[in-house]
Structures are given as structure tokens and as C-alpha cells.
């Protein structure tokens, strides 16, 4: 039972910390750091769902990673088209 609680609380900490890093992310110039800032909450959410169901956690991680990656790539392309320096 303690093992399940460790995964749940670790996921909560990663979710909250990663969300705060994502909010501060637009001030970061490096696109790789921005991507990592959005991947941390995804891992946290997956750890929380891992305590309930393994399949649900895996599907959430795959879907959230794919959606976040598409959004970030679109933003980076738009910023480069506008001539902004990343």
C-alpha cells in the first residue's frame, strides 16, 4: 500500500512543479527547455493514473506527449515565421 502512495504523491509533486515550470516557460529562450517543462506534468499525470490502471497511464502519457509536441512545434514555427528570436 505504501508503494502506491509513493507513486501517487510523486506524481502530484511532478504535476504541480511541472505546471509551475510551464507557466514560467514562455520566458525561457531554449525550445528544448520549454519542451521539458511541458513533459514533466505529463509524467506526473501518468504516475497519478498509474496508481489506478496501467493502461490508462500509458494512453494518457502517449496522448498528452503527442498533443503537447504538436502545439510546441506549431508555436516555434509561427514564431520563426514572424521573425522572433527564440
C-alpha atoms as a PDB file:
ATOM      1  CA  UNK A   1       0.000   0.000   0.000  1.00  0.00           C
ATOM      2  CA  UNK A   2       2.863   2.383   0.744  1.00  0.00           C
ATOM      3  CA  UNK A   3       4.282   1.828  -2.749  1.00  0.00           C
ATOM      4  CA  UNK A   4       1.034   3.024  -4.340  1.00  0.00           C
ATOM      5  CA  UNK A   5       1.059   6.136  -2.188  1.00  0.00           C
ATOM      6  CA  UNK A   6       4.656   6.921  -3.172  1.00  0.00           C
ATOM      7  CA  UNK A   7       3.750   6.858  -6.884  1.00  0.00           C
ATOM      8  CA  UNK A   8       0.654   8.970  -6.280  1.00  0.00           C
ATOM      9  CA  UNK A   9       2.411  11.664  -4.236  1.00  0.00           C
ATOM     10  CA  UNK A  10       5.411  11.744  -6.572  1.00  0.00           C
ATOM     11  CA  UNK A  11       3.001  12.255  -9.465  1.00  0.00           C
ATOM     12  CA  UNK A  12       1.254  15.090  -7.611  1.00  0.00           C
ATOM     13  CA  UNK A  13       4.565  16.830  -6.912  1.00  0.00           C
ATOM     14  CA  UNK A  14       5.679  16.456 -10.539  1.00  0.00           C
ATOM     15  CA  UNK A  15       2.310  17.680 -11.798  1.00  0.00           C
ATOM     16  CA  UNK A  16       2.304  20.807  -9.631  1.00  0.00           C
ATOM     17  CA  UNK A  17       6.009  21.560 -10.128  1.00  0.00           C
ATOM     18  CA  UNK A  18       5.844  20.925 -13.862  1.00  0.00           C
ATOM     19  CA  UNK A  19       2.777  23.116 -14.236  1.00  0.00           C
ATOM     20  CA  UNK A  20       4.564  25.975 -12.497  1.00  0.00           C
ATOM     21  CA  UNK A  21       7.587  25.437 -14.755  1.00  0.00           C
ATOM     22  CA  UNK A  22       5.316  25.525 -17.807  1.00  0.00           C
ATOM     23  CA  UNK A  23       3.788  28.793 -16.664  1.00  0.00           C
ATOM     24  CA  UNK A  24       7.287  30.263 -16.338  1.00  0.00           C
ATOM     25  CA  UNK A  25       8.274  28.589 -19.628  1.00  0.00           C
ATOM     26  CA  UNK A  26       7.500  31.419 -22.077  1.00  0.00           C
ATOM     27  CA  UNK A  27      10.357  33.429 -20.540  1.00  0.00           C
ATOM     28  CA  UNK A  28      12.807  30.639 -21.410  1.00  0.00           C
ATOM     29  CA  UNK A  29      14.583  31.106 -24.742  1.00  0.00           C
ATOM     30  CA  UNK A  30      15.639  27.499 -25.348  1.00  0.00           C
ATOM     31  CA  UNK A  31      12.924  25.407 -27.082  1.00  0.00           C
ATOM     32  CA  UNK A  32      14.280  22.179 -25.579  1.00  0.00           C
ATOM     33  CA  UNK A  33      13.804  23.534 -22.055  1.00  0.00           C
ATOM     34  CA  UNK A  34      10.254  24.563 -22.975  1.00  0.00           C
ATOM     35  CA  UNK A  35       9.546  21.030 -24.186  1.00  0.00           C
ATOM     36  CA  UNK A  36      10.934  19.534 -20.983  1.00  0.00           C
ATOM     37  CA  UNK A  37       8.817  21.943 -18.938  1.00  0.00           C
ATOM     38  CA  UNK A  38       5.710  20.510 -20.558  1.00  0.00           C
ATOM     39  CA  UNK A  39       6.804  16.880 -20.370  1.00  0.00           C
ATOM     40  CA  UNK A  40       7.228  16.958 -16.579  1.00  0.00           C
ATOM     41  CA  UNK A  41       3.489  17.479 -15.862  1.00  0.00           C
ATOM     42  CA  UNK A  42       2.694  14.724 -18.363  1.00  0.00           C
ATOM     43  CA  UNK A  43       4.868  12.294 -16.448  1.00  0.00           C
ATOM     44  CA  UNK A  44       3.269  13.432 -13.178  1.00  0.00           C
ATOM     45  CA  UNK A  45      -0.225  12.837 -14.527  1.00  0.00           C
ATOM     46  CA  UNK A  46       0.824   9.429 -15.803  1.00  0.00           C
ATOM     47  CA  UNK A  47       2.184   8.498 -12.360  1.00  0.00           C
ATOM     48  CA  UNK A  48      -1.088   9.533 -10.740  1.00  0.00           C
ATOM     49  CA  UNK A  49      -3.093   7.434 -13.202  1.00  0.00           C
ATOM     50  CA  UNK A  50      -0.595   4.588 -12.782  1.00  0.00           C
ATOM     51  CA  UNK A  51      -1.918   4.076  -9.279  1.00  0.00           C
ATOM     52  CA  UNK A  52      -5.334   3.302 -10.796  1.00  0.00           C
ATOM     53  CA  UNK A  53      -4.658   1.491 -14.059  1.00  0.00           C
ATOM     54  CA  UNK A  54      -1.517   0.780 -16.091  1.00  0.00           C
ATOM     55  CA  UNK A  55      -3.224   1.016 -19.476  1.00  0.00           C
ATOM     56  CA  UNK A  56      -4.851   4.324 -18.603  1.00  0.00           C
ATOM     57  CA  UNK A  57      -1.480   5.754 -17.548  1.00  0.00           C
ATOM     58  CA  UNK A  58       0.229   4.647 -20.755  1.00  0.00           C
ATOM     59  CA  UNK A  59      -2.503   6.002 -23.019  1.00  0.00           C
ATOM     60  CA  UNK A  60      -2.540   9.323 -21.152  1.00  0.00           C
ATOM     61  CA  UNK A  61       1.220   9.698 -21.464  1.00  0.00           C
ATOM     62  CA  UNK A  62       1.198   8.941 -25.187  1.00  0.00           C
ATOM     63  CA  UNK A  63      -1.741  11.256 -25.939  1.00  0.00           C
ATOM     64  CA  UNK A  64      -0.505  14.155 -23.817  1.00  0.00           C
ATOM     65  CA  UNK A  65       3.030  13.938 -25.212  1.00  0.00           C
ATOM     66  CA  UNK A  66       1.795  13.899 -28.801  1.00  0.00           C
ATOM     67  CA  UNK A  67      -0.566  16.844 -28.314  1.00  0.00           C
ATOM     68  CA  UNK A  68       1.991  18.956 -26.442  1.00  0.00           C
ATOM     69  CA  UNK A  69       4.676  18.242 -29.051  1.00  0.00           C
ATOM     70  CA  UNK A  70       2.381  19.278 -31.906  1.00  0.00           C
ATOM     71  CA  UNK A  71       1.415  22.503 -30.146  1.00  0.00           C
ATOM     72  CA  UNK A  72       5.006  23.423 -29.324  1.00  0.00           C
ATOM     73  CA  UNK A  73       6.240  22.732 -32.851  1.00  0.00           C
ATOM     74  CA  UNK A  74       3.465  24.893 -34.286  1.00  0.00           C
ATOM     75  CA  UNK A  75       4.326  27.728 -31.898  1.00  0.00           C
ATOM     76  CA  UNK A  76       8.021  27.533 -32.739  1.00  0.00           C
ATOM     77  CA  UNK A  77       7.306  27.585 -36.488  1.00  0.00           C
ATOM     78  CA  UNK A  78       4.951  30.566 -36.092  1.00  0.00           C
ATOM     79  CA  UNK A  79       7.489  32.459 -34.027  1.00  0.00           C
ATOM     80  CA  UNK A  80      10.195  31.868 -36.644  1.00  0.00           C
ATOM     81  CA  UNK A  81       7.841  32.992 -39.432  1.00  0.00           C
ATOM     82  CA  UNK A  82       7.163  36.203 -37.548  1.00  0.00           C
ATOM     83  CA  UNK A  83      10.889  36.780 -37.206  1.00  0.00           C
ATOM     84  CA  UNK A  84      11.029  36.496 -33.447  1.00  0.00           C
ATOM     85  CA  UNK A  85      14.293  35.338 -31.976  1.00  0.00           C
ATOM     86  CA  UNK A  86      13.970  32.193 -29.919  1.00  0.00           C
END
